[in-house]
Amino acid sequence: MLDLIIQASQLAFHPYVLMYVFLGVLLGITLGAIPGLSGDMAIALLLPFVFFLEPAMAMGLLVGIYKGGLFGGSISAISFGVPGTPGAAATSIDGYQAKLKGKPSKALHTALYSSVIGDTTSDLVLIFIAVPLAAIALTFGPIEFFALYAFSLILIAALSQGVVAKGLAVAAIGILLAMIGRDPITGAVRMTFGIPGLAGGLSLIPVLIGIFAISEVVFQGAKLWRRKVDKIMDDVANQASLLQGYDISKDKLTWAEFKFTLKATYIGAAVGTFIGALPGAGQSLAAFMSYGLAQRFSKRPEDFGKGSLEGIASAESGNSATAGSTFIPLFAFGIPGSATAALFGAAFILMGMTPGPSLLSDNTEIIYALFFTLIFANLVNLVLGKLLLPYYSRIAMIQPGYMIPAVFILAIIGTYAANNSTMDVWVLLFAGLLGITLKLLSFPLAPLVLGFIIGPGAERALRQSMIMGGGDWWVLVKSPIAIGFYIAAFVLILLFTLALRAKK
């Protein structure tokens, strides 16, 4: 074990790997601070370039982007009241009010420290839980895995913005897209509509980039067309007068203030870590739940919504604490815990590593190096954030109009370069159009991506189970573990249905 740790640390702390971690954090914070752009978009765009990097370097870059993006979203949320990422929406409630009261530095530093604490807590939970869970998962057969996949898809759909029917429908679309190509058992070609280029199925890269990047680029372009960005900038200019006479020397976070926010930070870390481990729950849910619990247990609940540092700490800690735990189901069972985990799952596949219980046993040195990288990236996030906060707070002023064309061009080039395939570019555009349509109809996108990733494994497990049972469907409920997953899925559907009716 000691030899493994030494080898993994040597791999993780190689100068090139460290360089990519620094680059990733810098890029993640920068994109996260610009409203409309996100770390997920950057990860999707960079997936094609994974081919050209060693696994440890690629993981360092992607991890840095992910962690930097989590904190970066809070910069524009606090500085301008515009969340840079969906997960930073709860941070903006108190963050922007604190800024208007002349405490932008205190708010930004509170967000930075709580983000790093929550993130590190989640990473430690991942490191100590993923290995035992993977060992348990190795005892699962096709019947248990199918039940687990079914449970996960239902949970993903149920937790997607609280709209169970829409979440299930979108997850089903993702599974349907994953079935295009050759049958995994018989090898027969299906659902290709006579197009030879689809015989091998839809590639991960164009689907993910299309859903995440192309759809978002079009929406940001539409917002720009309607001059919403100009209105935001006008509002910022109007608020500038409120900060006349601002004295930076009076806006430093004191040790007493930091200690006072620790309780809220720990609440956010605990809630975020738990929510992150649930497939499909997401950063926004973790942030708002953390915010609500912190307010309930606060000694000054009346300050929430008025610039409370506790409110900022709880929201940002909850948001960032999903970072590590969202990988738990990916490492243990091969099921992405979030859209970001799905992107990392795609990166693993592109590097020849299969997400799931065998990921740790087959690639032990790389995964342990990844654990070291996760912790180191938090330290880089803290250092870069501390040094560059005054400059980062101005990044949100960059007009998205300058970024939209660049993102679109990178998406096209990266998709084509991955396989030198024109068909992949057409799939990219189709996926983008599908993402736009679903957004216009208020359907969540995450279940589609997760369904696309999980679909092949679920189908394979189902077909293998049926072969084992001689075509008898009752074979699916002959395992006590499988029955437990089905009962849990039924209870979840019942609870969410009753909750929706209660709201009405």
Protein backbone atom coordinates (compact mmCIF):
# COMPACT_ATOMS: atom_id res chain seq x y z
CA MET A 1 0.00 0.00 0.00
CA LEU A 2 2.85 2.37 0.87
CA ASP A 3 4.48 1.69 -2.51
CA LEU A 4 1.20 2.48 -4.23
CA ILE A 5 0.86 5.80 -2.39
CA ILE A 6 4.43 6.75 -3.26
CA GLN A 7 3.94 5.91 -6.95
CA ALA A 8 0.61 7.74 -7.10
CA SER A 9 2.06 10.83 -5.40
CA GLN A 10 5.00 10.87 -7.82
CA LEU A 11 2.54 10.73 -10.69
CA ALA A 12 0.21 13.38 -9.25
CA PHE A 13 2.98 15.83 -8.37
CA HIS A 14 4.84 15.57 -11.64
CA PRO A 15 5.69 19.12 -12.81
CA TYR A 16 3.55 18.80 -15.96
CA VAL A 17 0.56 17.55 -13.97
CA LEU A 18 0.91 20.45 -11.52
CA MET A 19 1.10 22.87 -14.43
CA TYR A 20 -2.14 21.54 -15.89
CA VAL A 21 -3.84 21.79 -12.49
CA PHE A 22 -2.84 25.47 -12.22
CA LEU A 23 -3.98 26.09 -15.79
CA GLY A 24 -7.29 24.31 -15.16
CA VAL A 25 -8.08 26.23 -11.97
CA LEU A 26 -7.25 29.54 -13.66
CA LEU A 27 -9.44 28.69 -16.64
CA GLY A 28 -12.25 27.39 -14.44
CA ILE A 29 -12.41 30.50 -12.25
CA THR A 30 -12.26 32.75 -15.31
CA LEU A 31 -15.11 31.01 -17.11
CA GLY A 32 -17.14 30.57 -13.92
CA ALA A 33 -16.97 34.31 -13.28
CA ILE A 34 -18.50 35.10 -16.68
CA PRO A 35 -22.32 34.74 -16.58
CA GLY A 36 -23.48 32.14 -19.07
CA LEU A 37 -20.19 30.24 -19.25
CA SER A 38 -19.22 27.43 -16.93
CA GLY A 39 -16.65 24.81 -16.06
CA ASP A 40 -18.90 22.10 -17.54
CA MET A 41 -18.81 23.86 -20.90
CA ALA A 42 -15.02 24.05 -20.78
CA ILE A 43 -14.71 20.37 -19.83
CA ALA A 44 -17.04 19.39 -22.70
CA LEU A 45 -15.03 21.46 -25.17
CA LEU A 46 -11.72 19.99 -23.99
CA LEU A 47 -12.80 16.34 -24.11
CA PRO A 48 -11.43 15.83 -27.65
CA PHE A 49 -7.97 16.94 -26.50
CA VAL A 50 -7.85 14.22 -23.83
CA PHE A 51 -6.43 11.96 -26.56
CA PHE A 52 -3.25 14.03 -26.69
CA LEU A 53 -2.49 14.06 -22.96
CA GLU A 54 -1.31 11.48 -20.47
CA PRO A 55 -4.17 10.39 -18.14
CA ALA A 56 -2.72 12.15 -15.07
CA MET A 57 -2.25 15.40 -17.00
CA ALA A 58 -5.73 15.24 -18.51
CA MET A 59 -7.27 14.58 -15.10
CA GLY A 60 -5.28 17.46 -13.60
CA LEU A 61 -6.60 19.86 -16.23
CA LEU A 62 -10.22 18.72 -15.95
CA VAL A 63 -10.20 18.64 -12.14
CA GLY A 64 -8.71 22.15 -12.04
CA ILE A 65 -11.40 23.48 -14.38
CA TYR A 66 -14.13 21.82 -12.33
CA LYS A 67 -12.99 23.16 -8.98
CA GLY A 68 -12.12 26.61 -10.29
CA GLY A 69 -15.55 26.87 -11.92
CA LEU A 70 -17.33 26.04 -8.66
CA PHE A 71 -15.76 29.04 -6.93
CA GLY A 72 -15.71 31.28 -10.00
CA GLY A 73 -19.49 31.40 -10.17
CA SER A 74 -19.60 33.21 -6.84
CA ILE A 75 -17.46 36.10 -8.12
CA SER A 76 -20.07 37.59 -10.45
CA ALA A 77 -22.85 36.55 -8.04
CA ILE A 78 -21.30 38.73 -5.34
CA SER A 79 -19.86 41.49 -7.52
CA PHE A 80 -22.83 42.05 -9.81
CA GLY A 81 -25.74 39.97 -8.51
CA VAL A 82 -25.53 37.73 -11.60
CA PRO A 83 -24.64 34.08 -10.76
CA GLY A 84 -21.79 32.93 -12.98
CA THR A 85 -23.04 29.32 -12.66
CA PRO A 86 -26.44 27.86 -11.61
CA GLY A 87 -24.89 26.60 -8.36
CA ALA A 88 -24.00 30.18 -7.34
CA ALA A 89 -27.61 31.39 -7.42
CA ALA A 90 -28.00 30.96 -3.65
CA THR A 91 -24.69 32.77 -3.07
CA SER A 92 -26.00 35.87 -4.83
CA ILE A 93 -28.84 36.30 -2.31
CA ASP A 94 -26.58 37.60 0.45
CA GLY A 95 -23.43 38.11 -1.59
CA TYR A 96 -24.72 40.98 -3.68
CA GLN A 97 -26.38 42.62 -0.68
CA ALA A 98 -23.06 42.46 1.19
CA LYS A 99 -21.37 44.13 -1.76
CA LEU A 100 -23.94 46.94 -1.81
CA LYS A 101 -23.27 47.49 1.89
CA GLY A 102 -19.60 48.08 1.15
CA LYS A 103 -18.34 44.58 2.06
CA PRO A 104 -17.41 43.01 -1.30
CA SER A 105 -13.99 41.83 -0.09
CA LYS A 106 -15.42 40.16 3.01
CA ALA A 107 -18.09 38.46 0.90
CA LEU A 108 -15.62 37.22 -1.71
CA HIS A 109 -13.15 35.90 0.86
CA THR A 110 -15.95 34.19 2.79
CA ALA A 111 -17.05 32.51 -0.45
CA LEU A 112 -13.49 31.43 -1.21
CA TYR A 113 -12.74 29.94 2.20
CA SER A 114 -16.09 28.16 2.56
CA SER A 115 -15.81 26.82 -1.00
CA VAL A 116 -12.40 25.28 -0.30
CA ILE A 117 -13.51 23.81 3.06
CA GLY A 118 -16.68 22.29 1.59
CA ASP A 119 -14.81 20.95 -1.43
CA THR A 120 -12.04 19.37 0.65
CA THR A 121 -14.56 17.72 2.99
CA SER A 122 -16.32 16.16 0.02
CA ASP A 123 -13.05 14.95 -1.50
CA LEU A 124 -12.05 13.20 1.74
CA VAL A 125 -15.41 11.43 1.89
CA LEU A 126 -14.90 10.26 -1.70
CA ILE A 127 -11.42 8.94 -0.96
CA PHE A 128 -12.51 6.91 2.10
CA ILE A 129 -15.88 5.65 0.78
CA ALA A 130 -15.32 4.96 -2.93
CA VAL A 131 -12.96 2.01 -2.42
CA PRO A 132 -15.21 0.03 0.02
CA LEU A 133 -18.27 0.67 -2.16
CA ALA A 134 -16.43 -0.50 -5.25
CA ALA A 135 -15.49 -3.70 -3.44
CA ILE A 136 -19.18 -4.31 -2.66
CA ALA A 137 -20.18 -3.51 -6.24
CA LEU A 138 -17.79 -6.17 -7.55
CA THR A 139 -20.15 -8.78 -6.06
CA PHE A 140 -23.08 -7.49 -8.16
CA GLY A 141 -24.31 -9.50 -11.14
CA PRO A 142 -26.41 -8.36 -14.14
CA ILE A 143 -29.65 -8.58 -12.14
CA GLU A 144 -28.38 -6.33 -9.34
CA PHE A 145 -26.79 -3.89 -11.78
CA PHE A 146 -30.00 -3.53 -13.78
CA ALA A 147 -31.93 -2.80 -10.58
CA LEU A 148 -29.27 -0.24 -9.61
CA TYR A 149 -29.46 1.42 -13.04
CA ALA A 150 -33.26 1.56 -12.85
CA PHE A 151 -33.11 3.07 -9.37
CA SER A 152 -30.52 5.64 -10.45
CA LEU A 153 -32.47 6.75 -13.53
CA ILE A 154 -35.61 7.23 -11.46
CA LEU A 155 -33.69 9.15 -8.80
CA ILE A 156 -32.01 11.32 -11.45
CA ALA A 157 -35.34 12.13 -13.04
CA ALA A 158 -37.12 12.73 -9.75
CA LEU A 159 -34.52 15.20 -8.49
CA SER A 160 -34.30 17.15 -11.75
CA GLN A 161 -35.83 20.53 -10.87
CA GLY A 162 -38.64 18.69 -9.07
CA VAL A 163 -40.36 17.71 -12.34
CA VAL A 164 -40.57 13.92 -12.23
CA ALA A 165 -42.44 13.37 -15.52
CA LYS A 166 -40.14 15.64 -17.51
CA GLY A 167 -37.05 14.17 -15.91
CA LEU A 168 -38.13 10.62 -16.76
CA ALA A 169 -39.04 11.60 -20.32
CA VAL A 170 -35.67 13.24 -20.94
CA ALA A 171 -33.80 10.30 -19.37
CA ALA A 172 -35.71 8.00 -21.74
CA ILE A 173 -34.60 10.13 -24.71
CA GLY A 174 -31.00 9.75 -23.56
CA ILE A 175 -31.37 5.96 -23.38
CA LEU A 176 -33.00 5.93 -26.84
CA LEU A 177 -30.08 7.87 -28.32
CA ALA A 178 -27.65 5.42 -26.69
CA MET A 179 -29.41 2.51 -28.45
CA ILE A 180 -28.60 3.84 -31.94
CA GLY A 181 -26.08 1.59 -33.66
CA ARG A 182 -25.35 -2.08 -33.13
CA ASP A 183 -27.18 -4.35 -30.73
CA PRO A 184 -24.72 -5.26 -27.90
CA ILE A 185 -25.80 -8.92 -27.93
CA THR A 186 -26.63 -9.81 -31.55
CA GLY A 187 -24.61 -7.13 -33.36
CA ALA A 188 -27.61 -6.20 -35.55
CA VAL A 189 -27.79 -2.59 -36.76
CA ARG A 190 -30.77 -0.64 -35.43
CA MET A 191 -32.29 2.86 -35.60
CA THR A 192 -29.72 4.17 -38.10
CA PHE A 193 -32.33 5.20 -40.72
CA GLY A 194 -30.09 3.78 -43.40
CA ILE A 195 -27.18 6.12 -42.55
CA PRO A 196 -23.93 4.08 -42.57
CA GLY A 197 -22.15 6.61 -40.34
CA LEU A 198 -24.52 5.78 -37.47
CA ALA A 199 -23.80 2.06 -37.46
CA GLY A 200 -21.21 2.52 -34.72
CA GLY A 201 -23.63 4.54 -32.58
CA LEU A 202 -23.48 8.16 -31.46
CA SER A 203 -20.10 9.25 -30.12
CA LEU A 204 -19.87 10.69 -26.63
CA ILE A 205 -18.00 13.85 -27.60
CA PRO A 206 -20.45 15.39 -30.11
CA VAL A 207 -23.47 14.52 -27.95
CA LEU A 208 -22.01 16.05 -24.80
CA ILE A 209 -20.60 19.15 -26.50
CA GLY A 210 -23.83 19.68 -28.41
CA ILE A 211 -26.03 19.37 -25.33
CA PHE A 212 -23.85 21.50 -23.05
CA ALA A 213 -22.00 23.97 -25.26
CA ILE A 214 -23.96 24.51 -28.49
CA SER A 215 -27.35 24.89 -26.79
CA GLU A 216 -25.88 27.30 -24.22
CA VAL A 217 -24.10 29.34 -26.91
CA VAL A 218 -27.36 29.79 -28.83
CA PHE A 219 -29.21 30.84 -25.67
CA GLN A 220 -26.52 33.31 -24.72
CA GLY A 221 -26.60 34.69 -28.24
CA ALA A 222 -30.36 35.13 -27.98
CA LYS A 223 -29.97 36.98 -24.69
CA LEU A 224 -27.37 39.22 -26.24
CA TRP A 225 -29.69 39.88 -29.16
CA ARG A 226 -32.40 41.00 -26.77
CA ARG A 227 -29.89 43.33 -25.11
CA LYS A 228 -30.27 41.71 -21.70
CA VAL A 229 -26.54 41.89 -21.16
CA ASP A 230 -26.60 45.64 -21.81
CA LYS A 231 -29.30 46.01 -19.21
CA ILE A 232 -27.19 44.09 -16.68
CA MET A 233 -24.23 46.37 -17.36
CA ASP A 234 -26.44 49.44 -16.98
CA ASP A 235 -27.64 48.15 -13.62
CA VAL A 236 -24.05 47.62 -12.52
CA ALA A 237 -23.17 51.16 -13.54
CA ASN A 238 -26.13 52.53 -11.59
CA GLN A 239 -25.06 50.65 -8.49
CA ALA A 240 -21.53 52.00 -8.69
CA SER A 241 -22.60 55.23 -7.01
CA LEU A 242 -23.55 53.25 -3.92
CA LEU A 243 -19.91 52.36 -3.35
CA GLN A 244 -18.44 55.84 -3.52
CA GLY A 245 -16.07 56.40 -0.66
CA TYR A 246 -15.35 52.69 -0.35
CA ASP A 247 -12.36 51.99 1.91
CA ILE A 248 -10.66 48.60 1.34
CA SER A 249 -8.91 48.83 4.72
CA LYS A 250 -12.31 48.57 6.44
CA ASP A 251 -13.37 45.61 4.31
CA LYS A 252 -11.07 42.85 5.48
CA LEU A 253 -12.45 39.58 6.80
CA THR A 254 -11.44 39.30 10.45
CA TRP A 255 -10.66 36.08 12.31
CA ALA A 256 -13.75 36.57 14.49
CA GLU A 257 -15.98 36.89 11.41
CA PHE A 258 -14.40 33.82 9.85
CA LYS A 259 -14.98 31.76 13.03
CA PHE A 260 -18.59 32.96 13.12
CA THR A 261 -19.21 31.56 9.62
CA LEU A 262 -17.66 28.16 10.35
CA LYS A 263 -20.90 26.65 11.65
CA ALA A 264 -22.71 27.58 8.44
CA THR A 265 -19.75 26.33 6.41
CA TYR A 266 -19.83 22.94 8.12
CA ILE A 267 -23.59 22.66 7.59
CA GLY A 268 -23.06 23.37 3.90
CA ALA A 269 -20.20 20.86 3.71
CA ALA A 270 -22.33 18.09 5.25
CA VAL A 271 -25.44 18.80 3.19
CA GLY A 272 -23.50 19.29 -0.05
CA THR A 273 -21.54 16.08 0.40
CA PHE A 274 -24.75 14.10 0.95
CA ILE A 275 -26.65 15.73 -1.92
CA GLY A 276 -23.68 15.34 -4.25
CA ALA A 277 -23.69 11.57 -3.74
CA LEU A 278 -27.30 11.36 -4.95
CA PRO A 279 -27.38 10.87 -8.74
CA GLY A 280 -28.84 13.94 -10.44
CA ALA A 281 -29.44 16.11 -7.36
CA GLY A 282 -27.08 18.90 -8.44
CA GLN A 283 -25.24 21.88 -7.02
CA SER A 284 -28.22 24.24 -6.95
CA LEU A 285 -30.26 21.94 -4.73
CA ALA A 286 -27.29 21.49 -2.37
CA ALA A 287 -26.69 25.24 -2.16
CA PHE A 288 -30.30 26.17 -1.39
CA MET A 289 -30.78 23.33 1.11
CA SER A 290 -27.57 24.36 2.89
CA TYR A 291 -28.70 27.98 2.92
CA GLY A 292 -32.08 27.07 4.41
CA LEU A 293 -30.62 24.84 7.14
CA ALA A 294 -27.94 27.38 8.03
CA GLN A 295 -30.59 30.06 8.46
CA ARG A 296 -32.65 27.78 10.67
CA PHE A 297 -29.72 27.02 12.99
CA SER A 298 -28.19 30.50 12.91
CA LYS A 299 -28.05 32.82 15.92
CA ARG A 300 -28.87 35.68 13.53
CA PRO A 301 -31.46 34.30 11.09
CA GLU A 302 -32.88 37.77 10.54
CA ASP A 303 -29.65 38.80 8.77
CA PHE A 304 -30.11 36.27 5.98
CA GLY A 305 -31.02 37.96 2.72
CA LYS A 306 -29.49 41.22 3.90
CA GLY A 307 -25.81 40.53 3.32
CA SER A 308 -25.17 37.80 5.89
CA LEU A 309 -21.71 36.24 5.70
CA GLU A 310 -23.26 33.05 7.11
CA GLY A 311 -25.63 32.94 4.15
CA ILE A 312 -22.72 33.25 1.73
CA ALA A 313 -20.68 30.62 3.57
CA SER A 314 -23.47 28.04 3.70
CA ALA A 315 -24.49 28.45 0.07
CA GLU A 316 -20.96 28.36 -1.32
CA SER A 317 -19.88 25.48 0.92
CA GLY A 318 -22.96 23.46 -0.05
CA ASN A 319 -22.41 24.18 -3.71
CA SER A 320 -18.71 23.20 -3.65
CA ALA A 321 -19.16 20.17 -1.36
CA THR A 322 -20.83 18.28 -4.20
CA ALA A 323 -17.49 18.22 -6.07
CA GLY A 324 -16.01 15.08 -4.56
CA SER A 325 -19.09 13.11 -3.55
CA THR A 326 -20.62 13.33 -7.03
CA PHE A 327 -17.89 10.91 -8.14
CA ILE A 328 -18.85 8.26 -5.56
CA PRO A 329 -21.54 6.54 -7.69
CA LEU A 330 -19.30 6.89 -10.78
CA PHE A 331 -16.35 5.16 -9.15
CA ALA A 332 -18.35 2.57 -7.23
CA PHE A 333 -21.08 1.65 -9.73
CA GLY A 334 -20.26 3.40 -13.02
CA ILE A 335 -23.23 5.73 -12.63
CA PRO A 336 -22.53 9.48 -12.99
CA GLY A 337 -23.76 11.45 -9.99
CA SER A 338 -24.14 14.65 -12.02
CA ALA A 339 -23.68 16.11 -15.47
CA THR A 340 -20.09 16.96 -14.53
CA ALA A 341 -19.45 13.40 -13.39
CA ALA A 342 -20.87 12.24 -16.73
CA LEU A 343 -18.28 14.38 -18.49
CA PHE A 344 -15.53 12.87 -16.36
CA GLY A 345 -16.96 9.43 -17.10
CA ALA A 346 -16.68 10.22 -20.81
CA ALA A 347 -13.08 11.33 -20.26
CA PHE A 348 -12.28 8.03 -18.52
CA ILE A 349 -13.79 6.10 -21.43
CA LEU A 350 -11.80 8.12 -23.95
CA MET A 351 -8.64 7.26 -22.03
CA GLY A 352 -9.47 3.56 -22.09
CA MET A 353 -10.75 3.30 -18.50
CA THR A 354 -14.22 1.95 -17.74
CA PRO A 355 -16.15 3.75 -14.95
CA GLY A 356 -17.45 1.37 -12.32
CA PRO A 357 -16.17 -1.00 -9.64
CA SER A 358 -13.31 -2.22 -11.84
CA LEU A 359 -12.06 1.34 -12.39
CA LEU A 360 -10.17 1.32 -9.10
CA SER A 361 -8.79 -2.19 -9.41
CA ASP A 362 -7.72 -1.86 -13.06
CA ASN A 363 -6.28 1.66 -12.81
CA THR A 364 -5.27 1.87 -9.17
CA GLU A 365 -2.24 4.11 -9.60
CA ILE A 366 -4.08 6.63 -11.83
CA ILE A 367 -7.11 6.84 -9.52
CA TYR A 368 -4.99 7.32 -6.40
CA ALA A 369 -3.06 10.01 -8.27
CA LEU A 370 -6.45 11.59 -9.02
CA PHE A 371 -7.23 11.60 -5.29
CA PHE A 372 -4.02 13.53 -4.64
CA THR A 373 -4.90 15.90 -7.49
CA LEU A 374 -8.35 16.61 -6.05
CA ILE A 375 -6.85 17.79 -2.77
CA PHE A 376 -4.01 19.71 -4.41
CA ALA A 377 -6.44 21.51 -6.73
CA ASN A 378 -8.25 22.87 -3.66
CA LEU A 379 -4.99 24.37 -2.42
CA VAL A 380 -4.36 25.93 -5.84
CA ASN A 381 -7.91 27.27 -5.83
CA LEU A 382 -7.29 28.89 -2.45
CA VAL A 383 -3.95 30.45 -3.44
CA LEU A 384 -5.02 31.74 -6.86
CA GLY A 385 -8.34 32.96 -5.51
CA LYS A 386 -6.62 34.82 -2.67
CA LEU A 387 -4.04 36.45 -4.93
CA LEU A 388 -6.26 37.34 -7.85
CA LEU A 389 -9.65 38.18 -6.30
CA PRO A 390 -9.38 41.91 -7.14
CA TYR A 391 -8.84 41.04 -10.80
CA TYR A 392 -11.33 38.18 -10.94
CA SER A 393 -14.14 40.43 -9.74
CA ARG A 394 -13.81 42.40 -12.98
CA ILE A 395 -14.02 39.35 -15.23
CA ALA A 396 -17.81 39.34 -15.08
CA MET A 397 -17.78 42.61 -17.01
CA ILE A 398 -16.51 40.80 -20.14
CA GLN A 399 -19.24 40.94 -22.76
CA PRO A 400 -20.39 37.42 -23.69
CA GLY A 401 -20.50 38.64 -27.28
CA TYR A 402 -16.73 38.24 -27.40
CA MET A 403 -16.87 34.67 -26.05
CA ILE A 404 -19.81 33.15 -27.95
CA PRO A 405 -18.16 32.91 -31.41
CA ALA A 406 -14.97 31.46 -29.90
CA VAL A 407 -16.90 28.77 -28.00
CA PHE A 408 -18.86 27.79 -31.13
CA ILE A 409 -15.74 27.51 -33.27
CA LEU A 410 -13.91 25.46 -30.60
CA ALA A 411 -16.89 23.11 -30.39
CA ILE A 412 -16.82 22.44 -34.14
CA ILE A 413 -13.03 22.06 -34.36
CA GLY A 414 -12.75 19.87 -31.26
CA THR A 415 -15.55 17.56 -32.37
CA TYR A 416 -14.12 17.06 -35.84
CA ALA A 417 -10.56 16.61 -34.58
CA ALA A 418 -11.52 13.81 -32.17
CA ASN A 419 -12.27 11.27 -34.93
CA ASN A 420 -11.77 13.27 -38.16
CA SER A 421 -15.45 12.61 -38.78
CA THR A 422 -17.92 14.89 -40.54
CA MET A 423 -20.70 12.69 -39.15
CA ASP A 424 -19.67 13.70 -35.62
CA VAL A 425 -20.15 17.36 -36.57
CA TRP A 426 -23.67 16.61 -37.79
CA VAL A 427 -24.36 14.74 -34.54
CA LEU A 428 -23.01 17.76 -32.64
CA LEU A 429 -25.43 20.10 -34.41
CA PHE A 430 -28.32 17.66 -33.89
CA ALA A 431 -27.51 17.38 -30.18
CA GLY A 432 -27.33 21.18 -29.95
CA LEU A 433 -30.73 21.52 -31.64
CA LEU A 434 -32.18 18.90 -29.29
CA GLY A 435 -30.74 20.75 -26.29
CA ILE A 436 -32.22 24.05 -27.48
CA THR A 437 -35.65 22.46 -28.00
CA LEU A 438 -35.65 20.89 -24.53
CA LYS A 439 -34.58 24.18 -22.94
CA LEU A 440 -37.37 26.06 -24.70
CA LEU A 441 -39.85 23.51 -23.35
CA SER A 442 -38.33 23.79 -19.83
CA PHE A 443 -37.03 20.22 -19.80
CA PRO A 444 -33.87 19.55 -17.73
CA LEU A 445 -30.81 18.51 -19.74
CA ALA A 446 -28.90 16.56 -17.10
CA PRO A 447 -31.16 13.44 -17.17
CA LEU A 448 -30.65 13.18 -20.95
CA VAL A 449 -26.87 13.13 -20.63
CA LEU A 450 -26.95 10.74 -17.69
CA GLY A 451 -29.42 8.48 -19.51
CA PHE A 452 -27.12 8.45 -22.54
CA ILE A 453 -24.17 7.43 -20.36
CA ILE A 454 -26.07 4.84 -18.31
CA GLY A 455 -28.17 3.48 -21.19
CA PRO A 456 -25.70 0.97 -22.68
CA GLY A 457 -24.88 -0.54 -19.28
CA ALA A 458 -28.55 -0.80 -18.33
CA GLU A 459 -29.46 -2.48 -21.61
CA ARG A 460 -26.55 -4.90 -21.39
CA ALA A 461 -27.47 -5.84 -17.81
CA LEU A 462 -31.12 -6.35 -18.79
CA ARG A 463 -30.30 -8.53 -21.78
CA GLN A 464 -27.83 -10.63 -19.78
CA SER A 465 -30.37 -11.05 -16.98
CA MET A 466 -33.01 -12.23 -19.45
CA ILE A 467 -30.57 -14.74 -20.96
CA MET A 468 -29.79 -16.04 -17.45
CA GLY A 469 -33.53 -16.43 -16.78
CA GLY A 470 -34.35 -18.05 -20.10
CA GLY A 471 -36.55 -15.12 -21.12
CA ASP A 472 -38.51 -15.10 -17.85
CA TRP A 473 -39.01 -11.52 -16.57
CA TRP A 474 -39.34 -12.79 -12.99
CA VAL A 475 -35.58 -13.24 -12.94
CA LEU A 476 -35.30 -9.49 -12.37
CA VAL A 477 -36.86 -9.81 -8.91
CA LYS A 478 -35.13 -12.96 -7.70
CA SER A 479 -32.31 -11.07 -6.00
CA PRO A 480 -32.94 -9.52 -2.54
CA ILE A 481 -30.62 -6.64 -3.45
CA ALA A 482 -32.56 -5.98 -6.66
CA ILE A 483 -35.86 -6.06 -4.77
CA GLY A 484 -34.46 -3.50 -2.34
CA PHE A 485 -33.57 -1.14 -5.20
CA TYR A 486 -37.05 -1.53 -6.78
CA ILE A 487 -38.79 -0.82 -3.47
CA ALA A 488 -36.59 2.26 -2.93
CA ALA A 489 -37.43 3.50 -6.44
CA PHE A 490 -41.17 3.01 -5.85
CA VAL A 491 -41.01 4.83 -2.51
CA LEU A 492 -39.15 7.73 -4.14
CA ILE A 493 -41.72 8.10 -6.89
CA LEU A 494 -44.51 8.03 -4.30
CA LEU A 495 -42.83 10.63 -2.08
CA PHE A 496 -42.08 13.03 -4.93
CA THR A 497 -45.61 12.67 -6.33
CA LEU A 498 -47.14 13.45 -2.92
CA ALA A 499 -44.77 16.40 -2.49
CA LEU A 500 -45.82 17.86 -5.85
CA ARG A 501 -49.52 17.45 -5.01
CA ALA A 502 -48.97 19.13 -1.64
CA LYS A 503 -47.48 22.18 -3.38
CA LYS A 504 -50.60 22.48 -5.54
